[in-house]
Amino acid sequence: MIEPTGDILETFENPYPDRDYVIETVCPEFTSMCPKTGQPDFGTLTISYIAEATCYELKSLKLYLQQFRNHGAFYEAVTNRILDDLVAATSPRWMAIVGEFTPRGGISTTVTVEYDGSESVSDTTAPE
């Protein structure tokens, strides 16, 4: 199994770097894999951010997210990993990701993660 990598993410110059404006991207067909059962997990990711110098490019975001289809990880790990990779690629002023996962066994889960710009990009990765 290939480990997802943020290296695939492309960026472009923020056309209004002196203005705070929120960019929101909704990904309604996100798929990852449960590490316990190997079954697919489905959800909607909503990514909101205030760009600094760069914005992420949507086609590369789509290709990046598709890497998780065969990647076994819990919802919490997937959502935090995506935040870490997007922060590393774009260094935003602020970013939040809401992962709303479809019910499994009658239970639905929503994971919300946020980066407020005050921590360095290297501080956002999970401890080993």
N, C-alpha and C. Protein backbone atom coordinates (compact mmCIF):
# COMPACT_ATOMS: atom_id res chain seq x y z
N MET A 1 0.84 -1.18 0.00
CA MET A 1 0.00 0.00 0.00
C MET A 1 0.89 1.24 0.00
N ILE A 2 0.58 2.17 -0.88
CA ILE A 2 1.37 3.41 -1.00
C ILE A 2 0.85 4.43 0.01
N GLU A 3 1.76 5.02 0.73
CA GLU A 3 1.43 6.06 1.72
C GLU A 3 1.09 7.36 0.99
N PRO A 4 -0.05 7.99 1.34
CA PRO A 4 -0.38 9.29 0.71
C PRO A 4 0.72 10.32 0.98
N THR A 5 0.93 11.18 0.01
CA THR A 5 1.95 12.21 0.15
C THR A 5 1.42 13.57 -0.30
N GLY A 6 1.79 14.58 0.43
CA GLY A 6 1.40 15.95 0.08
C GLY A 6 2.24 16.53 -1.03
N ASP A 7 3.27 15.79 -1.48
CA ASP A 7 4.13 16.28 -2.55
C ASP A 7 3.37 16.53 -3.85
N ILE A 8 2.21 15.91 -3.99
CA ILE A 8 1.42 16.05 -5.21
C ILE A 8 0.66 17.39 -5.25
N LEU A 9 0.54 18.05 -4.10
CA LEU A 9 -0.21 19.30 -4.03
C LEU A 9 0.52 20.43 -4.74
N GLU A 10 -0.20 21.11 -5.61
CA GLU A 10 0.33 22.27 -6.33
C GLU A 10 -0.32 23.53 -5.80
N THR A 11 0.38 24.63 -5.91
CA THR A 11 -0.15 25.91 -5.43
C THR A 11 -0.02 26.97 -6.53
N PHE A 12 -0.73 28.07 -6.31
CA PHE A 12 -0.59 29.23 -7.18
C PHE A 12 -0.61 30.47 -6.31
N GLU A 13 -0.12 31.56 -6.85
CA GLU A 13 -0.01 32.81 -6.10
C GLU A 13 -1.38 33.36 -5.73
N ASN A 14 -1.52 33.75 -4.48
CA ASN A 14 -2.75 34.36 -3.99
C ASN A 14 -2.95 35.69 -4.73
N PRO A 15 -4.07 35.87 -5.44
CA PRO A 15 -4.26 37.11 -6.20
C PRO A 15 -4.53 38.33 -5.32
N TYR A 16 -4.89 38.12 -4.04
CA TYR A 16 -5.18 39.23 -3.12
C TYR A 16 -4.53 38.96 -1.76
N PRO A 17 -3.20 38.93 -1.70
CA PRO A 17 -2.52 38.58 -0.45
C PRO A 17 -2.70 39.60 0.68
N ASP A 18 -3.11 40.81 0.37
CA ASP A 18 -3.30 41.83 1.40
C ASP A 18 -4.71 41.82 1.99
N ARG A 19 -5.56 40.93 1.51
CA ARG A 19 -6.94 40.87 1.98
C ARG A 19 -7.22 39.51 2.61
N ASP A 20 -7.89 39.52 3.76
CA ASP A 20 -8.37 38.28 4.35
C ASP A 20 -9.70 37.91 3.70
N TYR A 21 -9.74 36.77 3.05
CA TYR A 21 -10.99 36.25 2.49
C TYR A 21 -10.95 34.74 2.64
N VAL A 22 -12.09 34.15 2.89
CA VAL A 22 -12.17 32.71 3.14
C VAL A 22 -12.44 31.97 1.85
N ILE A 23 -11.62 30.97 1.60
CA ILE A 23 -11.80 30.07 0.47
C ILE A 23 -12.36 28.77 1.05
N GLU A 24 -13.46 28.29 0.50
CA GLU A 24 -14.06 27.06 1.01
C GLU A 24 -14.18 26.06 -0.13
N THR A 25 -13.67 24.86 0.10
CA THR A 25 -13.73 23.79 -0.88
C THR A 25 -14.48 22.63 -0.23
N VAL A 26 -15.49 22.12 -0.92
CA VAL A 26 -16.27 20.99 -0.42
C VAL A 26 -15.97 19.77 -1.29
N CYS A 27 -15.59 18.70 -0.64
CA CYS A 27 -15.25 17.45 -1.32
C CYS A 27 -16.25 16.39 -0.86
N PRO A 28 -17.38 16.23 -1.57
CA PRO A 28 -18.46 15.37 -1.08
C PRO A 28 -18.27 13.88 -1.32
N GLU A 29 -17.20 13.50 -1.99
CA GLU A 29 -17.00 12.09 -2.31
C GLU A 29 -15.68 11.55 -1.75
N PHE A 30 -15.29 12.03 -0.57
CA PHE A 30 -14.03 11.56 0.02
C PHE A 30 -14.17 10.11 0.46
N THR A 31 -13.14 9.33 0.19
CA THR A 31 -13.13 7.91 0.58
C THR A 31 -11.78 7.57 1.19
N SER A 32 -11.83 6.88 2.31
CA SER A 32 -10.62 6.29 2.90
C SER A 32 -10.99 4.86 3.29
N MET A 33 -10.11 4.19 4.04
CA MET A 33 -10.36 2.80 4.38
C MET A 33 -10.20 2.61 5.89
N CYS A 34 -11.12 1.88 6.48
CA CYS A 34 -11.04 1.57 7.90
C CYS A 34 -9.85 0.65 8.15
N PRO A 35 -8.95 1.00 9.07
CA PRO A 35 -7.78 0.16 9.31
C PRO A 35 -8.12 -1.15 10.04
N LYS A 36 -9.25 -1.21 10.68
CA LYS A 36 -9.66 -2.43 11.40
C LYS A 36 -10.34 -3.44 10.49
N THR A 37 -11.28 -2.96 9.64
CA THR A 37 -12.09 -3.87 8.84
C THR A 37 -11.66 -3.94 7.38
N GLY A 38 -10.92 -2.93 6.90
CA GLY A 38 -10.57 -2.87 5.49
C GLY A 38 -11.72 -2.40 4.63
N GLN A 39 -12.84 -2.02 5.25
CA GLN A 39 -14.00 -1.54 4.52
C GLN A 39 -13.83 -0.06 4.18
N PRO A 40 -14.45 0.39 3.09
CA PRO A 40 -14.33 1.81 2.74
C PRO A 40 -15.12 2.69 3.71
N ASP A 41 -14.56 3.87 3.97
CA ASP A 41 -15.23 4.90 4.75
C ASP A 41 -15.51 6.06 3.79
N PHE A 42 -16.71 6.60 3.87
CA PHE A 42 -17.11 7.69 2.98
C PHE A 42 -17.42 8.93 3.80
N GLY A 43 -17.15 10.07 3.23
CA GLY A 43 -17.46 11.30 3.94
C GLY A 43 -17.37 12.52 3.05
N THR A 44 -17.72 13.64 3.64
CA THR A 44 -17.60 14.93 2.99
C THR A 44 -16.57 15.75 3.75
N LEU A 45 -15.58 16.24 3.03
CA LEU A 45 -14.59 17.14 3.63
C LEU A 45 -14.91 18.56 3.21
N THR A 46 -14.92 19.45 4.18
CA THR A 46 -15.06 20.87 3.88
C THR A 46 -13.78 21.55 4.36
N ILE A 47 -13.05 22.12 3.44
CA ILE A 47 -11.78 22.77 3.74
C ILE A 47 -11.99 24.27 3.60
N SER A 48 -11.73 25.01 4.66
CA SER A 48 -11.86 26.47 4.65
C SER A 48 -10.51 27.06 5.05
N TYR A 49 -10.10 28.12 4.36
CA TYR A 49 -8.83 28.74 4.74
C TYR A 49 -8.74 30.18 4.29
N ILE A 50 -7.86 30.90 4.97
CA ILE A 50 -7.47 32.25 4.57
C ILE A 50 -6.04 32.13 4.09
N ALA A 51 -5.84 32.38 2.83
CA ALA A 51 -4.52 32.21 2.23
C ALA A 51 -3.56 33.32 2.65
N GLU A 52 -2.30 32.98 2.67
CA GLU A 52 -1.23 33.97 2.84
C GLU A 52 -0.72 34.27 1.43
N ALA A 53 0.39 33.67 1.04
CA ALA A 53 0.98 33.95 -0.27
C ALA A 53 0.48 33.01 -1.37
N THR A 54 0.03 31.79 -0.98
CA THR A 54 -0.37 30.82 -2.00
C THR A 54 -1.70 30.15 -1.67
N CYS A 55 -2.34 29.65 -2.72
CA CYS A 55 -3.58 28.88 -2.64
C CYS A 55 -3.30 27.51 -3.24
N TYR A 56 -4.05 26.48 -2.82
CA TYR A 56 -3.87 25.18 -3.46
C TYR A 56 -4.68 25.09 -4.74
N GLU A 57 -4.16 24.32 -5.67
CA GLU A 57 -4.79 24.13 -6.97
C GLU A 57 -5.74 22.94 -6.86
N LEU A 58 -6.97 23.06 -7.39
CA LEU A 58 -8.02 22.08 -7.16
C LEU A 58 -7.77 20.71 -7.77
N LYS A 59 -7.23 20.64 -8.97
CA LYS A 59 -6.98 19.32 -9.57
C LYS A 59 -5.96 18.55 -8.74
N SER A 60 -4.92 19.23 -8.28
CA SER A 60 -3.93 18.54 -7.46
C SER A 60 -4.53 18.12 -6.11
N LEU A 61 -5.46 18.93 -5.58
CA LEU A 61 -6.15 18.55 -4.35
C LEU A 61 -6.95 17.27 -4.57
N LYS A 62 -7.66 17.20 -5.69
CA LYS A 62 -8.44 16.00 -6.01
C LYS A 62 -7.54 14.77 -6.09
N LEU A 63 -6.42 14.89 -6.79
CA LEU A 63 -5.49 13.76 -6.91
C LEU A 63 -4.88 13.39 -5.56
N TYR A 64 -4.60 14.39 -4.74
CA TYR A 64 -4.08 14.15 -3.40
C TYR A 64 -5.10 13.36 -2.57
N LEU A 65 -6.34 13.82 -2.55
CA LEU A 65 -7.37 13.15 -1.74
C LEU A 65 -7.65 11.74 -2.23
N GLN A 66 -7.52 11.48 -3.52
CA GLN A 66 -7.74 10.14 -4.05
C GLN A 66 -6.73 9.13 -3.52
N GLN A 67 -5.58 9.60 -3.07
CA GLN A 67 -4.57 8.70 -2.50
C GLN A 67 -5.07 7.99 -1.25
N PHE A 68 -6.09 8.55 -0.59
CA PHE A 68 -6.58 7.98 0.66
C PHE A 68 -7.56 6.83 0.43
N ARG A 69 -7.98 6.59 -0.80
CA ARG A 69 -8.97 5.55 -1.08
C ARG A 69 -8.53 4.17 -0.59
N ASN A 70 -7.27 3.87 -0.70
CA ASN A 70 -6.77 2.57 -0.27
C ASN A 70 -5.86 2.67 0.95
N HIS A 71 -5.98 3.77 1.66
CA HIS A 71 -5.14 4.02 2.83
C HIS A 71 -5.94 3.75 4.10
N GLY A 72 -5.46 2.84 4.92
CA GLY A 72 -6.14 2.51 6.16
C GLY A 72 -5.76 3.45 7.28
N ALA A 73 -6.73 4.23 7.76
CA ALA A 73 -6.50 5.16 8.87
C ALA A 73 -7.85 5.56 9.47
N PHE A 74 -7.83 5.82 10.75
CA PHE A 74 -9.04 6.28 11.42
C PHE A 74 -9.38 7.69 10.98
N TYR A 75 -10.66 8.07 11.14
CA TYR A 75 -11.13 9.39 10.73
C TYR A 75 -10.25 10.51 11.29
N GLU A 76 -9.92 10.39 12.57
CA GLU A 76 -9.14 11.44 13.24
C GLU A 76 -7.77 11.61 12.60
N ALA A 77 -7.13 10.49 12.29
CA ALA A 77 -5.80 10.54 11.68
C ALA A 77 -5.86 11.10 10.27
N VAL A 78 -6.84 10.67 9.49
CA VAL A 78 -6.98 11.15 8.11
C VAL A 78 -7.19 12.66 8.08
N THR A 79 -8.12 13.15 8.91
CA THR A 79 -8.45 14.57 8.89
C THR A 79 -7.26 15.42 9.33
N ASN A 80 -6.57 14.99 10.38
CA ASN A 80 -5.38 15.73 10.83
C ASN A 80 -4.25 15.66 9.81
N ARG A 81 -4.08 14.53 9.17
CA ARG A 81 -3.03 14.39 8.15
C ARG A 81 -3.27 15.33 6.98
N ILE A 82 -4.51 15.42 6.54
CA ILE A 82 -4.84 16.31 5.42
C ILE A 82 -4.56 17.76 5.80
N LEU A 83 -4.95 18.13 7.03
CA LEU A 83 -4.65 19.48 7.50
C LEU A 83 -3.14 19.73 7.48
N ASP A 84 -2.37 18.82 8.04
CA ASP A 84 -0.92 18.99 8.08
C ASP A 84 -0.33 19.17 6.68
N ASP A 85 -0.77 18.34 5.73
CA ASP A 85 -0.22 18.42 4.37
C ASP A 85 -0.62 19.71 3.67
N LEU A 86 -1.87 20.15 3.87
CA LEU A 86 -2.31 21.39 3.23
C LEU A 86 -1.63 22.62 3.85
N VAL A 87 -1.44 22.60 5.16
CA VAL A 87 -0.72 23.70 5.82
C VAL A 87 0.73 23.73 5.33
N ALA A 88 1.36 22.58 5.22
CA ALA A 88 2.74 22.53 4.74
C ALA A 88 2.85 23.06 3.31
N ALA A 89 1.85 22.79 2.48
CA ALA A 89 1.89 23.21 1.08
C ALA A 89 1.60 24.69 0.90
N THR A 90 0.72 25.26 1.75
CA THR A 90 0.25 26.63 1.50
C THR A 90 0.62 27.66 2.56
N SER A 91 1.00 27.23 3.76
CA SER A 91 1.29 28.16 4.87
C SER A 91 0.20 29.23 5.01
N PRO A 92 -1.04 28.82 5.26
CA PRO A 92 -2.14 29.79 5.32
C PRO A 92 -2.13 30.61 6.60
N ARG A 93 -2.90 31.68 6.61
CA ARG A 93 -3.10 32.45 7.84
C ARG A 93 -3.96 31.65 8.80
N TRP A 94 -4.92 30.92 8.25
CA TRP A 94 -5.84 30.10 9.04
C TRP A 94 -6.41 29.02 8.13
N MET A 95 -6.66 27.84 8.71
CA MET A 95 -7.29 26.76 7.95
C MET A 95 -8.06 25.87 8.90
N ALA A 96 -9.21 25.39 8.44
CA ALA A 96 -10.01 24.42 9.19
C ALA A 96 -10.53 23.37 8.21
N ILE A 97 -10.60 22.14 8.70
CA ILE A 97 -11.16 21.05 7.90
C ILE A 97 -12.21 20.36 8.76
N VAL A 98 -13.38 20.17 8.17
CA VAL A 98 -14.45 19.42 8.81
C VAL A 98 -14.66 18.16 7.99
N GLY A 99 -14.46 17.01 8.62
CA GLY A 99 -14.71 15.72 7.99
C GLY A 99 -15.99 15.15 8.55
N GLU A 100 -17.03 15.08 7.72
CA GLU A 100 -18.31 14.50 8.13
C GLU A 100 -18.42 13.13 7.48
N PHE A 101 -18.26 12.09 8.29
CA PHE A 101 -18.23 10.73 7.77
C PHE A 101 -19.59 10.07 7.90
N THR A 102 -19.94 9.27 6.90
CA THR A 102 -21.26 8.64 6.87
C THR A 102 -21.39 7.62 7.99
N PRO A 103 -22.62 7.36 8.41
CA PRO A 103 -22.83 6.43 9.52
C PRO A 103 -22.29 5.03 9.23
N ARG A 104 -21.75 4.45 10.28
CA ARG A 104 -21.27 3.07 10.24
C ARG A 104 -21.78 2.44 11.51
N GLY A 105 -22.57 1.39 11.39
CA GLY A 105 -23.14 0.75 12.56
C GLY A 105 -24.09 1.67 13.33
N GLY A 106 -24.72 2.59 12.60
CA GLY A 106 -25.67 3.50 13.22
C GLY A 106 -25.04 4.70 13.91
N ILE A 107 -23.73 4.88 13.75
CA ILE A 107 -23.03 6.00 14.39
C ILE A 107 -22.31 6.82 13.33
N SER A 108 -22.55 8.13 13.34
CA SER A 108 -21.82 9.00 12.42
C SER A 108 -20.79 9.79 13.22
N THR A 109 -19.73 10.17 12.55
CA THR A 109 -18.64 10.91 13.20
C THR A 109 -18.30 12.14 12.38
N THR A 110 -18.07 13.25 13.08
CA THR A 110 -17.58 14.47 12.47
C THR A 110 -16.30 14.86 13.19
N VAL A 111 -15.24 15.10 12.42
CA VAL A 111 -13.95 15.51 12.97
C VAL A 111 -13.64 16.90 12.44
N THR A 112 -13.36 17.84 13.35
CA THR A 112 -13.01 19.21 12.97
C THR A 112 -11.59 19.49 13.47
N VAL A 113 -10.73 19.91 12.57
CA VAL A 113 -9.36 20.27 12.92
C VAL A 113 -9.08 21.67 12.42
N GLU A 114 -8.19 22.38 13.12
CA GLU A 114 -7.95 23.78 12.78
C GLU A 114 -6.48 24.14 12.98
N TYR A 115 -6.02 25.01 12.11
CA TYR A 115 -4.67 25.60 12.20
C TYR A 115 -4.88 27.10 12.25
N ASP A 116 -4.35 27.76 13.28
CA ASP A 116 -4.62 29.19 13.43
C ASP A 116 -3.49 30.10 12.98
N GLY A 117 -2.44 29.53 12.42
CA GLY A 117 -1.35 30.35 11.91
C GLY A 117 -0.31 30.73 12.94
N SER A 118 -0.60 30.50 14.23
CA SER A 118 0.35 30.90 15.26
C SER A 118 1.44 29.86 15.48
N GLU A 119 1.17 28.62 15.11
CA GLU A 119 2.20 27.58 15.25
C GLU A 119 2.97 27.46 13.95
N SER A 120 4.21 27.05 14.05
CA SER A 120 4.97 26.87 12.81
C SER A 120 4.46 25.64 12.07
N VAL A 121 4.70 25.59 10.79
CA VAL A 121 4.21 24.48 9.98
C VAL A 121 4.77 23.16 10.49
N SER A 122 6.00 23.14 10.93
CA SER A 122 6.60 21.88 11.41
C SER A 122 5.96 21.43 12.72
N ASP A 123 5.29 22.32 13.47
CA ASP A 123 4.63 21.95 14.71
C ASP A 123 3.31 21.22 14.48
N THR A 124 2.81 21.17 13.23
CA THR A 124 1.50 20.60 12.99
C THR A 124 1.52 19.10 12.79
N THR A 125 2.68 18.49 12.64
CA THR A 125 2.71 17.05 12.39
C THR A 125 2.58 16.29 13.69
N ALA A 126 1.96 15.11 13.57
CA ALA A 126 1.73 14.28 14.75
C ALA A 126 3.03 13.76 15.32
N PRO A 127 3.10 13.58 16.64
CA PRO A 127 4.30 13.01 17.24
C PRO A 127 4.47 11.56 16.82
N GLU A 128 5.70 11.12 16.77
CA GLU A 128 5.97 9.74 16.37
C GLU A 128 5.99 8.83 17.56
